[in-house]
Amino acid sequence: YMPKELMAIEWICFASTTYNAFVPLYTNVSKLPKY
């Protein structure tokens, strides 16, 4: 339902999902944060 530039969101969780947060990120980028 969004403009094509805004469509994609990737939720990322590292390590065991039971204990950790899912982080939503825009994927229409040339780089991601160093963290």
PDB file of all heavy atoms in Angstrom:
ATOM      1  N   TYR A   1       0.815  -1.215   0.000  1.00  0.00           N
ATOM      2  CA  TYR A   1       0.000   0.000   0.000  1.00  0.00           C
ATOM      3  C   TYR A   1       0.851   1.268   0.000  1.00  0.00           C
ATOM      4  O   TYR A   1       0.320   2.379  -0.093  1.00  0.00           O
ATOM      5  CB  TYR A   1      -0.914   0.004   1.234  1.00  0.00           C
ATOM      6  CG  TYR A   1      -0.162  -0.105   2.554  1.00  0.00           C
ATOM      7  CD1 TYR A   1       0.238   1.025   3.252  1.00  0.00           C
ATOM      8  CD2 TYR A   1       0.142  -1.348   3.080  1.00  0.00           C
ATOM      9  CE1 TYR A   1       0.932   0.930   4.444  1.00  0.00           C
ATOM     10  CE2 TYR A   1       0.828  -1.464   4.281  1.00  0.00           C
ATOM     11  CZ  TYR A   1       1.221  -0.327   4.960  1.00  0.00           C
ATOM     12  OH  TYR A   1       1.911  -0.437   6.141  1.00  0.00           O
ATOM     13  N   MET A   2       2.165   1.142   0.101  1.00  0.00           N
ATOM     14  CA  MET A   2       3.060   2.292   0.159  1.00  0.00           C
ATOM     15  C   MET A   2       3.660   2.578  -1.213  1.00  0.00           C
ATOM     16  O   MET A   2       3.697   1.710  -2.084  1.00  0.00           O
ATOM     17  CB  MET A   2       4.188   2.023   1.159  1.00  0.00           C
ATOM     18  CG  MET A   2       3.726   1.812   2.587  1.00  0.00           C
ATOM     19  SD  MET A   2       3.037   3.303   3.316  1.00  0.00           S
ATOM     20  CE  MET A   2       4.529   4.232   3.667  1.00  0.00           C
ATOM     21  N   PRO A   3       4.178   3.803  -1.432  1.00  0.00           N
ATOM     22  CA  PRO A   3       4.965   4.058  -2.647  1.00  0.00           C
ATOM     23  C   PRO A   3       6.119   3.068  -2.730  1.00  0.00           C
ATOM     24  O   PRO A   3       6.623   2.604  -1.694  1.00  0.00           O
ATOM     25  CB  PRO A   3       5.488   5.488  -2.423  1.00  0.00           C
ATOM     26  CG  PRO A   3       4.541   6.105  -1.455  1.00  0.00           C
ATOM     27  CD  PRO A   3       4.070   4.998  -0.567  1.00  0.00           C
ATOM     28  N   LYS A   4       6.533   2.719  -3.930  1.00  0.00           N
ATOM     29  CA  LYS A   4       7.508   1.643  -4.094  1.00  0.00           C
ATOM     30  C   LYS A   4       8.803   1.902  -3.319  1.00  0.00           C
ATOM     31  O   LYS A   4       9.451   0.969  -2.842  1.00  0.00           O
ATOM     32  CB  LYS A   4       7.805   1.390  -5.577  1.00  0.00           C
ATOM     33  CG  LYS A   4       8.536   2.493  -6.310  1.00  0.00           C
ATOM     34  CD  LYS A   4       8.799   2.085  -7.761  1.00  0.00           C
ATOM     35  CE  LYS A   4       9.677   3.065  -8.514  1.00  0.00           C
ATOM     36  NZ  LYS A   4       9.102   4.403  -8.615  1.00  0.00           N
ATOM     37  N   GLU A   5       9.162   3.166  -3.153  1.00  0.00           N
ATOM     38  CA  GLU A   5      10.389   3.487  -2.428  1.00  0.00           C
ATOM     39  C   GLU A   5      10.293   3.115  -0.952  1.00  0.00           C
ATOM     40  O   GLU A   5      11.307   2.884  -0.288  1.00  0.00           O
ATOM     41  CB  GLU A   5      10.699   4.990  -2.545  1.00  0.00           C
ATOM     42  CG  GLU A   5      11.051   5.452  -3.946  1.00  0.00           C
ATOM     43  CD  GLU A   5       9.828   5.794  -4.781  1.00  0.00           C
ATOM     44  OE1 GLU A   5       8.676   5.611  -4.286  1.00  0.00           O
ATOM     45  OE2 GLU A   5       9.997   6.237  -5.931  1.00  0.00           O
ATOM     46  N   LEU A   6       9.071   3.063  -0.418  1.00  0.00           N
ATOM     47  CA  LEU A   6       8.848   2.855   1.012  1.00  0.00           C
ATOM     48  C   LEU A   6       8.337   1.462   1.356  1.00  0.00           C
ATOM     49  O   LEU A   6       8.084   1.171   2.522  1.00  0.00           O
ATOM     50  CB  LEU A   6       7.838   3.880   1.535  1.00  0.00           C
ATOM     51  CG  LEU A   6       8.267   5.346   1.534  1.00  0.00           C
ATOM     52  CD1 LEU A   6       7.060   6.251   1.715  1.00  0.00           C
ATOM     53  CD2 LEU A   6       9.279   5.601   2.631  1.00  0.00           C
ATOM     54  N   MET A   7       8.188   0.613   0.367  1.00  0.00           N
ATOM     55  CA  MET A   7       7.503  -0.667   0.602  1.00  0.00           C
ATOM     56  C   MET A   7       8.219  -1.600   1.565  1.00  0.00           C
ATOM     57  O   MET A   7       7.592  -2.286   2.369  1.00  0.00           O
ATOM     58  CB  MET A   7       7.307  -1.398  -0.734  1.00  0.00           C
ATOM     59  CG  MET A   7       6.156  -0.904  -1.549  1.00  0.00           C
ATOM     60  SD  MET A   7       5.931  -1.941  -3.015  1.00  0.00           S
ATOM     61  CE  MET A   7       4.688  -0.991  -3.878  1.00  0.00           C
ATOM     62  N   ALA A   8       9.529  -1.663   1.493  1.00  0.00           N
ATOM     63  CA  ALA A   8      10.252  -2.749   2.163  1.00  0.00           C
ATOM     64  C   ALA A   8      10.724  -2.362   3.561  1.00  0.00           C
ATOM     65  O   ALA A   8      11.396  -1.359   3.760  1.00  0.00           O
ATOM     66  CB  ALA A   8      11.444  -3.169   1.306  1.00  0.00           C
ATOM     67  N   ILE A   9      10.365  -3.215   4.511  1.00  0.00           N
ATOM     68  CA  ILE A   9      10.855  -3.136   5.885  1.00  0.00           C
ATOM     69  C   ILE A   9      11.355  -4.527   6.273  1.00  0.00           C
ATOM     70  O   ILE A   9      10.654  -5.520   6.068  1.00  0.00           O
ATOM     71  CB  ILE A   9       9.750  -2.716   6.877  1.00  0.00           C
ATOM     72  CG1 ILE A   9       9.234  -1.322   6.541  1.00  0.00           C
ATOM     73  CG2 ILE A   9      10.248  -2.795   8.319  1.00  0.00           C
ATOM     74  CD1 ILE A   9      10.186  -0.203   6.881  1.00  0.00           C
ATOM     75  N   GLU A  10      12.552  -4.593   6.829  1.00  0.00           N
ATOM     76  CA  GLU A  10      13.082  -5.877   7.302  1.00  0.00           C
ATOM     77  C   GLU A  10      13.283  -5.800   8.812  1.00  0.00           C
ATOM     78  O   GLU A  10      14.010  -4.942   9.316  1.00  0.00           O
ATOM     79  CB  GLU A  10      14.399  -6.199   6.606  1.00  0.00           C
ATOM     80  CG  GLU A  10      14.864  -7.629   6.839  1.00  0.00           C
ATOM     81  CD  GLU A  10      15.994  -8.057   5.909  1.00  0.00           C
ATOM     82  OE1 GLU A  10      16.461  -7.210   5.110  1.00  0.00           O
ATOM     83  OE2 GLU A  10      16.415  -9.219   5.983  1.00  0.00           O
ATOM     84  N   TRP A  11      12.594  -6.690   9.524  1.00  0.00           N
ATOM     85  CA  TRP A  11      12.703  -6.775  10.972  1.00  0.00           C
ATOM     86  C   TRP A  11      13.806  -7.779  11.309  1.00  0.00           C
ATOM     87  O   TRP A  11      13.752  -8.933  10.882  1.00  0.00           O
ATOM     88  CB  TRP A  11      11.393  -7.236  11.586  1.00  0.00           C
ATOM     89  CG  TRP A  11      10.221  -6.328  11.356  1.00  0.00           C
ATOM     90  CD1 TRP A  11       9.570  -6.097  10.178  1.00  0.00           C
ATOM     91  CD2 TRP A  11       9.553  -5.541  12.342  1.00  0.00           C
ATOM     92  NE1 TRP A  11       8.535  -5.216  10.365  1.00  0.00           N
ATOM     93  CE2 TRP A  11       8.494  -4.855  11.687  1.00  0.00           C
ATOM     94  CE3 TRP A  11       9.733  -5.366  13.716  1.00  0.00           C
ATOM     95  CZ2 TRP A  11       7.635  -4.000  12.376  1.00  0.00           C
ATOM     96  CZ3 TRP A  11       8.866  -4.509  14.396  1.00  0.00           C
ATOM     97  CH2 TRP A  11       7.839  -3.834  13.723  1.00  0.00           C
ATOM     98  N   ILE A  12      14.789  -7.353  12.088  1.00  0.00           N
ATOM     99  CA  ILE A  12      15.945  -8.192  12.383  1.00  0.00           C
ATOM    100  C   ILE A  12      16.054  -8.433  13.887  1.00  0.00           C
ATOM    101  O   ILE A  12      15.896  -7.513  14.698  1.00  0.00           O
ATOM    102  CB  ILE A  12      17.241  -7.520  11.871  1.00  0.00           C
ATOM    103  CG1 ILE A  12      17.277  -7.530  10.353  1.00  0.00           C
ATOM    104  CG2 ILE A  12      18.491  -8.209  12.430  1.00  0.00           C
ATOM    105  CD1 ILE A  12      17.416  -8.909   9.726  1.00  0.00           C
ATOM    106  N   CYS A  13      16.333  -9.689  14.225  1.00  0.00           N
ATOM    107  CA  CYS A  13      16.584 -10.068  15.616  1.00  0.00           C
ATOM    108  C   CYS A  13      17.800 -10.980  15.636  1.00  0.00           C
ATOM    109  O   CYS A  13      17.825 -12.001  14.934  1.00  0.00           O
ATOM    110  CB  CYS A  13      15.372 -10.782  16.192  1.00  0.00           C
ATOM    111  SG  CYS A  13      15.593 -11.414  17.877  1.00  0.00           S
ATOM    112  N   PHE A  14      18.811 -10.641  16.409  1.00  0.00           N
ATOM    113  CA  PHE A  14      19.987 -11.493  16.548  1.00  0.00           C
ATOM    114  C   PHE A  14      19.844 -12.380  17.780  1.00  0.00           C
ATOM    115  O   PHE A  14      19.222 -12.008  18.771  1.00  0.00           O
ATOM    116  CB  PHE A  14      21.258 -10.658  16.671  1.00  0.00           C
ATOM    117  CG  PHE A  14      21.677  -9.983  15.392  1.00  0.00           C
ATOM    118  CD1 PHE A  14      21.644  -8.605  15.262  1.00  0.00           C
ATOM    119  CD2 PHE A  14      22.092 -10.733  14.300  1.00  0.00           C
ATOM    120  CE1 PHE A  14      22.040  -7.977  14.093  1.00  0.00           C
ATOM    121  CE2 PHE A  14      22.479 -10.118  13.107  1.00  0.00           C
ATOM    122  CZ  PHE A  14      22.452  -8.741  13.015  1.00  0.00           C
ATOM    123  N   ALA A  15      20.456 -13.562  17.708  1.00  0.00           N
ATOM    124  CA  ALA A  15      20.497 -14.536  18.810  1.00  0.00           C
ATOM    125  C   ALA A  15      19.096 -15.054  19.137  1.00  0.00           C
ATOM    126  O   ALA A  15      18.171 -14.915  18.336  1.00  0.00           O
ATOM    127  CB  ALA A  15      21.203 -13.945  20.020  1.00  0.00           C
ATOM    128  N   SER A  16      18.927 -15.660  20.288  1.00  0.00           N
ATOM    129  CA  SER A  16      17.670 -16.332  20.617  1.00  0.00           C
ATOM    130  C   SER A  16      16.504 -15.357  20.630  1.00  0.00           C
ATOM    131  O   SER A  16      16.514 -14.347  21.340  1.00  0.00           O
ATOM    132  CB  SER A  16      17.777 -17.009  21.982  1.00  0.00           C
ATOM    133  OG  SER A  16      16.535 -17.584  22.343  1.00  0.00           O
ATOM    134  N   THR A  17      15.479 -15.678  19.847  1.00  0.00           N
ATOM    135  CA  THR A  17      14.309 -14.809  19.738  1.00  0.00           C
ATOM    136  C   THR A  17      13.537 -14.698  21.044  1.00  0.00           C
ATOM    137  O   THR A  17      12.833 -13.712  21.267  1.00  0.00           O
ATOM    138  CB  THR A  17      13.358 -15.344  18.653  1.00  0.00           C
ATOM    139  OG1 THR A  17      13.113 -16.741  18.901  1.00  0.00           O
ATOM    140  CG2 THR A  17      13.948 -15.171  17.267  1.00  0.00           C
ATOM    141  N   THR A  18      13.646 -15.687  21.902  1.00  0.00           N
ATOM    142  CA  THR A  18      12.923 -15.666  23.168  1.00  0.00           C
ATOM    143  C   THR A  18      13.305 -14.454  24.000  1.00  0.00           C
ATOM    144  O   THR A  18      12.487 -13.907  24.749  1.00  0.00           O
ATOM    145  CB  THR A  18      13.199 -16.954  23.960  1.00  0.00           C
ATOM    146  OG1 THR A  18      12.795 -18.081  23.177  1.00  0.00           O
ATOM    147  CG2 THR A  18      12.450 -16.978  25.287  1.00  0.00           C
ATOM    148  N   TYR A  19      14.538 -14.006  23.866  1.00  0.00           N
ATOM    149  CA  TYR A  19      15.061 -12.976  24.760  1.00  0.00           C
ATOM    150  C   TYR A  19      15.397 -11.654  24.085  1.00  0.00           C
ATOM    151  O   TYR A  19      15.863 -10.730  24.762  1.00  0.00           O
ATOM    152  CB  TYR A  19      16.334 -13.498  25.445  1.00  0.00           C
ATOM    153  CG  TYR A  19      16.157 -14.841  26.085  1.00  0.00           C
ATOM    154  CD1 TYR A  19      16.854 -15.952  25.626  1.00  0.00           C
ATOM    155  CD2 TYR A  19      15.264 -15.011  27.137  1.00  0.00           C
ATOM    156  CE1 TYR A  19      16.678 -17.194  26.203  1.00  0.00           C
ATOM    157  CE2 TYR A  19      15.082 -16.249  27.713  1.00  0.00           C
ATOM    158  CZ  TYR A  19      15.784 -17.339  27.250  1.00  0.00           C
ATOM    159  OH  TYR A  19      15.594 -18.561  27.820  1.00  0.00           O
ATOM    160  N   ASN A  20      15.196 -11.544  22.775  1.00  0.00           N
ATOM    161  CA  ASN A  20      15.709 -10.368  22.083  1.00  0.00           C
ATOM    162  C   ASN A  20      14.674  -9.660  21.222  1.00  0.00           C
ATOM    163  O   ASN A  20      13.661 -10.250  20.818  1.00  0.00           O
ATOM    164  CB  ASN A  20      16.943 -10.752  21.265  1.00  0.00           C
ATOM    165  CG  ASN A  20      18.136 -11.008  22.158  1.00  0.00           C
ATOM    166  OD1 ASN A  20      18.692 -10.074  22.731  1.00  0.00           O
ATOM    167  ND2 ASN A  20      18.535 -12.270  22.300  1.00  0.00           N
ATOM    168  N   ALA A  21      14.944  -8.399  20.939  1.00  0.00           N
ATOM    169  CA  ALA A  21      14.007  -7.534  20.239  1.00  0.00           C
ATOM    170  C   ALA A  21      14.137  -7.662  18.728  1.00  0.00           C
ATOM    171  O   ALA A  21      15.233  -7.894  18.204  1.00  0.00           O
ATOM    172  CB  ALA A  21      14.247  -6.078  20.649  1.00  0.00           C
ATOM    173  N   PHE A  22      13.007  -7.506  18.031  1.00  0.00           N
ATOM    174  CA  PHE A  22      12.974  -7.406  16.579  1.00  0.00           C
ATOM    175  C   PHE A  22      13.028  -5.927  16.206  1.00  0.00           C
ATOM    176  O   PHE A  22      12.216  -5.134  16.682  1.00  0.00           O
ATOM    177  CB  PHE A  22      11.706  -8.040  16.020  1.00  0.00           C
ATOM    178  CG  PHE A  22      11.767  -9.537  15.917  1.00  0.00           C
ATOM    179  CD1 PHE A  22      11.700 -10.335  17.052  1.00  0.00           C
ATOM    180  CD2 PHE A  22      11.890 -10.158  14.678  1.00  0.00           C
ATOM    181  CE1 PHE A  22      11.747 -11.714  16.961  1.00  0.00           C
ATOM    182  CE2 PHE A  22      11.944 -11.533  14.571  1.00  0.00           C
ATOM    183  CZ  PHE A  22      11.875 -12.323  15.717  1.00  0.00           C
ATOM    184  N   VAL A  23      13.968  -5.579  15.337  1.00  0.00           N
ATOM    185  CA  VAL A  23      14.223  -4.179  14.983  1.00  0.00           C
ATOM    186  C   VAL A  23      13.806  -3.940  13.534  1.00  0.00           C
ATOM    187  O   VAL A  23      14.355  -4.560  12.617  1.00  0.00           O
ATOM    188  CB  VAL A  23      15.716  -3.843  15.150  1.00  0.00           C
ATOM    189  CG1 VAL A  23      15.950  -2.361  14.862  1.00  0.00           C
ATOM    190  CG2 VAL A  23      16.215  -4.217  16.547  1.00  0.00           C
ATOM    191  N   PRO A  24      12.838  -3.038  13.273  1.00  0.00           N
ATOM    192  CA  PRO A  24      12.421  -2.764  11.891  1.00  0.00           C
ATOM    193  C   PRO A  24      13.357  -1.764  11.234  1.00  0.00           C
ATOM    194  O   PRO A  24      13.720  -0.741  11.824  1.00  0.00           O
ATOM    195  CB  PRO A  24      11.023  -2.175  12.068  1.00  0.00           C
ATOM    196  CG  PRO A  24      11.073  -1.498  13.405  1.00  0.00           C
ATOM    197  CD  PRO A  24      12.014  -2.311  14.253  1.00  0.00           C
ATOM    198  N   LEU A  25      13.744  -2.036   9.972  1.00  0.00           N
ATOM    199  CA  LEU A  25      14.683  -1.179   9.256  1.00  0.00           C
ATOM    200  C   LEU A  25      14.243  -0.995   7.808  1.00  0.00           C
ATOM    201  O   LEU A  25      13.745  -1.932   7.174  1.00  0.00           O
ATOM    202  CB  LEU A  25      16.084  -1.798   9.277  1.00  0.00           C
ATOM    203  CG  LEU A  25      16.722  -1.956  10.658  1.00  0.00           C
ATOM    204  CD1 LEU A  25      17.757  -3.068  10.627  1.00  0.00           C
ATOM    205  CD2 LEU A  25      17.344  -0.652  11.122  1.00  0.00           C
ATOM    206  N   TYR A  26      14.442   0.197   7.300  1.00  0.00           N
ATOM    207  CA  TYR A  26      14.257   0.420   5.866  1.00  0.00           C
ATOM    208  C   TYR A  26      15.387  -0.292   5.117  1.00  0.00           C
ATOM    209  O   TYR A  26      16.556  -0.241   5.527  1.00  0.00           O
ATOM    210  CB  TYR A  26      14.322   1.908   5.542  1.00  0.00           C
ATOM    211  CG  TYR A  26      13.132   2.725   5.989  1.00  0.00           C
ATOM    212  CD1 TYR A  26      13.247   3.642   7.030  1.00  0.00           C
ATOM    213  CD2 TYR A  26      11.903   2.604   5.346  1.00  0.00           C
ATOM    214  CE1 TYR A  26      12.167   4.427   7.432  1.00  0.00           C
ATOM    215  CE2 TYR A  26      10.812   3.371   5.745  1.00  0.00           C
ATOM    216  CZ  TYR A  26      10.957   4.284   6.790  1.00  0.00           C
ATOM    217  OH  TYR A  26       9.877   5.054   7.170  1.00  0.00           O
ATOM    218  N   THR A  27      15.050  -0.933   3.994  1.00  0.00           N
ATOM    219  CA  THR A  27      16.073  -1.641   3.210  1.00  0.00           C
ATOM    220  C   THR A  27      16.491  -0.903   1.945  1.00  0.00           C
ATOM    221  O   THR A  27      17.451  -1.308   1.290  1.00  0.00           O
ATOM    222  CB  THR A  27      15.586  -3.045   2.818  1.00  0.00           C
ATOM    223  OG1 THR A  27      14.427  -2.935   1.983  1.00  0.00           O
ATOM    224  CG2 THR A  27      15.259  -3.875   4.050  1.00  0.00           C
ATOM    225  N   ASN A  28      15.793   0.186   1.608  1.00  0.00           N
ATOM    226  CA  ASN A  28      16.133   0.955   0.409  1.00  0.00           C
ATOM    227  C   ASN A  28      17.280   1.914   0.729  1.00  0.00           C
ATOM    228  O   ASN A  28      17.158   3.132   0.678  1.00  0.00           O
ATOM    229  CB  ASN A  28      14.904   1.723  -0.082  1.00  0.00           C
ATOM    230  CG  ASN A  28      15.132   2.389  -1.421  1.00  0.00           C
ATOM    231  OD1 ASN A  28      16.129   2.127  -2.110  1.00  0.00           O
ATOM    232  ND2 ASN A  28      14.216   3.272  -1.801  1.00  0.00           N
ATOM    233  N   VAL A  29      18.428   1.327   1.084  1.00  0.00           N
ATOM    234  CA  VAL A  29      19.577   2.102   1.553  1.00  0.00           C
ATOM    235  C   VAL A  29      20.852   1.568   0.901  1.00  0.00           C
ATOM    236  O   VAL A  29      20.898   0.437   0.407  1.00  0.00           O
ATOM    237  CB  VAL A  29      19.720   2.022   3.089  1.00  0.00           C
ATOM    238  CG1 VAL A  29      18.560   2.715   3.777  1.00  0.00           C
ATOM    239  CG2 VAL A  29      19.835   0.567   3.562  1.00  0.00           C
ATOM    240  N   SER A  30      21.904   2.373   0.951  1.00  0.00           N
ATOM    241  CA  SER A  30      23.203   1.935   0.437  1.00  0.00           C
ATOM    242  C   SER A  30      24.104   1.408   1.553  1.00  0.00           C
ATOM    243  O   SER A  30      25.111   0.761   1.284  1.00  0.00           O
ATOM    244  CB  SER A  30      23.913   3.088  -0.281  1.00  0.00           C
ATOM    245  OG  SER A  30      24.116   4.181   0.602  1.00  0.00           O
ATOM    246  N   LYS A  31      23.726   1.694   2.809  1.00  0.00           N
ATOM    247  CA  LYS A  31      24.498   1.187   3.939  1.00  0.00           C
ATOM    248  C   LYS A  31      23.595   1.099   5.161  1.00  0.00           C
ATOM    249  O   LYS A  31      22.516   1.703   5.216  1.00  0.00           O
ATOM    250  CB  LYS A  31      25.693   2.089   4.226  1.00  0.00           C
ATOM    251  CG  LYS A  31      25.311   3.498   4.656  1.00  0.00           C
ATOM    252  CD  LYS A  31      26.539   4.341   4.951  1.00  0.00           C
ATOM    253  CE  LYS A  31      26.122   5.755   5.399  1.00  0.00           C
ATOM    254  NZ  LYS A  31      27.292   6.588   5.745  1.00  0.00           N
ATOM    255  N   LEU A  32      24.059   0.332   6.151  1.00  0.00           N
ATOM    256  CA  LEU A  32      23.334   0.159   7.405  1.00  0.00           C
ATOM    257  C   LEU A  32      24.218   0.620   8.561  1.00  0.00           C
ATOM    258  O   LEU A  32      25.443   0.693   8.437  1.00  0.00           O
ATOM    259  CB  LEU A  32      22.934  -1.301   7.589  1.00  0.00           C
ATOM    260  CG  LEU A  32      21.813  -1.814   6.675  1.00  0.00           C
ATOM    261  CD1 LEU A  32      21.773  -3.327   6.648  1.00  0.00           C
ATOM    262  CD2 LEU A  32      20.456  -1.247   7.120  1.00  0.00           C
ATOM    263  N   PRO A  33      23.622   0.915   9.725  1.00  0.00           N
ATOM    264  CA  PRO A  33      24.409   1.373  10.871  1.00  0.00           C
ATOM    265  C   PRO A  33      25.459   0.345  11.309  1.00  0.00           C
ATOM    266  O   PRO A  33      25.258  -0.870  11.206  1.00  0.00           O
ATOM    267  CB  PRO A  33      23.351   1.578  11.962  1.00  0.00           C
ATOM    268  CG  PRO A  33      22.094   1.881  11.210  1.00  0.00           C
ATOM    269  CD  PRO A  33      22.168   1.015   9.988  1.00  0.00           C
ATOM    270  N   LYS A  34      26.573   0.852  11.820  1.00  0.00           N
ATOM    271  CA  LYS A  34      27.697   0.002  12.227  1.00  0.00           C
ATOM    272  C   LYS A  34      27.333  -0.963  13.342  1.00  0.00           C
ATOM    273  O   LYS A  34      27.963  -2.013  13.486  1.00  0.00           O
ATOM    274  CB  LYS A  34      28.882   0.879  12.642  1.00  0.00           C
ATOM    275  CG  LYS A  34      29.513   1.642  11.489  1.00  0.00           C
ATOM    276  CD  LYS A  34      30.723   2.435  11.952  1.00  0.00           C
ATOM    277  CE  LYS A  34      31.380   3.161  10.768  1.00  0.00           C
ATOM    278  NZ  LYS A  34      32.575   3.935  11.193  1.00  0.00           N
ATOM    279  N   TYR A  35      26.340  -0.624  14.132  1.00  0.00           N
ATOM    280  CA  TYR A  35      25.902  -1.504  15.228  1.00  0.00           C
ATOM    281  C   TYR A  35      25.396  -2.840  14.692  1.00  0.00           C
ATOM    282  O   TYR A  35      25.361  -3.839  15.398  1.00  0.00           O
ATOM    283  CB  TYR A  35      24.803  -0.789  16.018  1.00  0.00           C
ATOM    284  CG  TYR A  35      24.482  -1.350  17.381  1.00  0.00           C
ATOM    285  CD1 TYR A  35      25.469  -1.560  18.339  1.00  0.00           C
ATOM    286  CD2 TYR A  35      23.164  -1.634  17.728  1.00  0.00           C
ATOM    287  CE1 TYR A  35      25.152  -2.048  19.599  1.00  0.00           C
ATOM    288  CE2 TYR A  35      22.830  -2.113  18.982  1.00  0.00           C
ATOM    289  CZ  TYR A  35      23.832  -2.319  19.918  1.00  0.00           C
ATOM    290  OH  TYR A  35      23.515  -2.801  21.170  1.00  0.00           O
TER     291      TYR A  35
END
